[in-house]
């Protein structure tokens, strides 16, 4: 898959797919917008995972907070791109815009 190919929803939701990346983005957006701390993500290295990591736990946030933050990330990425389909390029652009100095 190239960076501009739409991402299938099942790849976003898999703990060994893009979910670790999406959760980190959501965590950063939550911290940026709410000023509160981390979700307590537990990511383990997994050479078989698409991104090289698998998410195994979230310790310090409720499911509703995590889902709200994920929804906000997806909405922000789509608004920024002016598209209705997500691609890896959209996530890369969001990450570069929101990178800490």
Protein backbone atom coordinates (compact mmCIF):
# COMPACT_ATOMS: atom_id res chain seq x y z
CA UNK A 1 0.00 0.00 0.00
CA UNK A 2 1.34 3.45 -0.81
CA UNK A 3 0.88 6.51 1.38
CA UNK A 4 -2.04 7.82 -0.69
CA UNK A 5 -4.10 4.63 -0.79
CA UNK A 6 -7.22 4.81 1.45
CA UNK A 7 -6.89 2.93 4.73
CA UNK A 8 -9.43 0.19 5.35
CA UNK A 9 -11.31 0.62 8.67
CA UNK A 10 -10.23 -2.81 9.91
CA UNK A 11 -6.58 -1.71 9.70
CA UNK A 12 -7.31 1.31 11.90
CA UNK A 13 -8.97 -0.83 14.56
CA UNK A 14 -6.42 -3.66 14.82
CA UNK A 15 -4.09 -3.56 17.83
CA UNK A 16 -1.29 -4.61 15.46
CA UNK A 17 -2.45 -2.32 12.64
CA UNK A 18 -2.64 1.47 12.85
CA UNK A 19 -4.30 1.56 16.28
CA UNK A 20 -1.00 2.21 18.13
CA UNK A 21 -0.35 5.23 15.89
CA UNK A 22 -3.92 6.48 16.15
CA UNK A 23 -3.86 6.14 19.94
CA UNK A 24 -0.60 8.11 20.22
CA UNK A 25 -2.04 10.83 17.98
CA UNK A 26 -5.23 10.90 20.08
CA UNK A 27 -3.17 11.09 23.27
CA UNK A 28 -1.19 14.04 21.91
CA UNK A 29 -4.35 15.84 20.77
CA UNK A 30 -5.95 15.26 24.20
CA UNK A 31 -2.89 16.70 25.94
CA UNK A 32 -2.75 19.65 23.54
CA UNK A 33 -6.43 20.55 23.80
CA UNK A 34 -7.20 19.60 27.42
CA UNK A 35 -3.85 20.04 29.11
CA UNK A 36 -4.15 16.70 30.87
CA UNK A 37 -1.74 13.79 30.94
CA UNK A 38 -1.16 10.56 29.15
CA UNK A 39 -3.57 7.69 28.47
CA UNK A 40 -1.13 5.18 29.95
CA UNK A 41 -0.66 3.32 26.69
CA UNK A 42 1.19 0.04 26.80
CA UNK A 43 2.78 -0.59 23.42
CA UNK A 44 5.04 -3.57 22.84
CA UNK A 45 7.46 -4.08 20.00
CA UNK A 46 6.05 -6.60 17.56
CA UNK A 47 7.95 -7.30 14.34
CA UNK A 48 4.80 -8.87 12.89
CA UNK A 49 2.69 -5.72 13.47
CA UNK A 50 2.15 -3.32 10.60
CA UNK A 51 3.80 -0.40 12.42
CA UNK A 52 6.22 -2.51 14.46
CA UNK A 53 4.16 -2.08 17.64
CA UNK A 54 1.06 -3.62 19.16
CA UNK A 55 -1.15 -1.90 21.73
CA UNK A 56 -1.95 -4.12 24.70
CA UNK A 57 -3.45 -1.78 27.34
CA UNK A 58 -4.67 1.67 28.22
CA UNK A 59 -4.32 2.40 31.95
CA UNK A 60 -5.18 6.03 32.72
CA UNK A 61 -8.12 6.95 30.50
CA UNK A 62 -11.67 5.78 30.10
CA UNK A 63 -12.92 4.30 26.85
CA UNK A 64 -15.12 7.36 26.29
CA UNK A 65 -12.14 9.74 26.54
CA UNK A 66 -10.01 7.60 24.23
CA UNK A 67 -12.80 7.23 21.65
CA UNK A 68 -13.58 10.95 21.79
CA UNK A 69 -9.92 11.78 21.20
CA UNK A 70 -9.64 9.27 18.34
CA UNK A 71 -12.75 10.72 16.75
CA UNK A 72 -11.29 14.23 17.09
CA UNK A 73 -8.03 13.13 15.44
CA UNK A 74 -9.84 11.53 12.51
CA UNK A 75 -12.06 14.59 12.10
CA UNK A 76 -9.08 16.94 12.28
CA UNK A 77 -7.09 14.87 9.78
CA UNK A 78 -10.00 14.74 7.34
CA UNK A 79 -10.78 18.46 7.72
CA UNK A 80 -7.13 19.32 7.16
CA UNK A 81 -7.01 17.22 4.02
CA UNK A 82 -10.45 18.23 2.74
CA UNK A 83 -11.16 14.55 2.04
CA UNK A 84 -13.57 11.90 3.24
CA UNK A 85 -11.09 9.00 3.12
CA UNK A 86 -8.03 8.56 5.28
CA UNK A 87 -4.61 7.68 3.92
CA UNK A 88 -1.18 7.34 5.52
CA UNK A 89 -0.22 10.66 3.93
CA UNK A 90 -2.97 12.38 5.94
CA UNK A 91 -1.63 10.98 9.20
CA UNK A 92 1.94 11.92 8.28
CA UNK A 93 0.88 15.51 7.50
CA UNK A 94 -1.04 15.80 10.80
CA UNK A 95 1.95 14.49 12.71
CA UNK A 96 4.30 17.01 11.11
CA UNK A 97 1.94 19.91 11.80
CA UNK A 98 1.42 18.86 15.43
CA UNK A 99 5.02 17.87 16.21
CA UNK A 100 6.48 19.35 19.34
CA UNK A 101 9.41 21.73 18.86
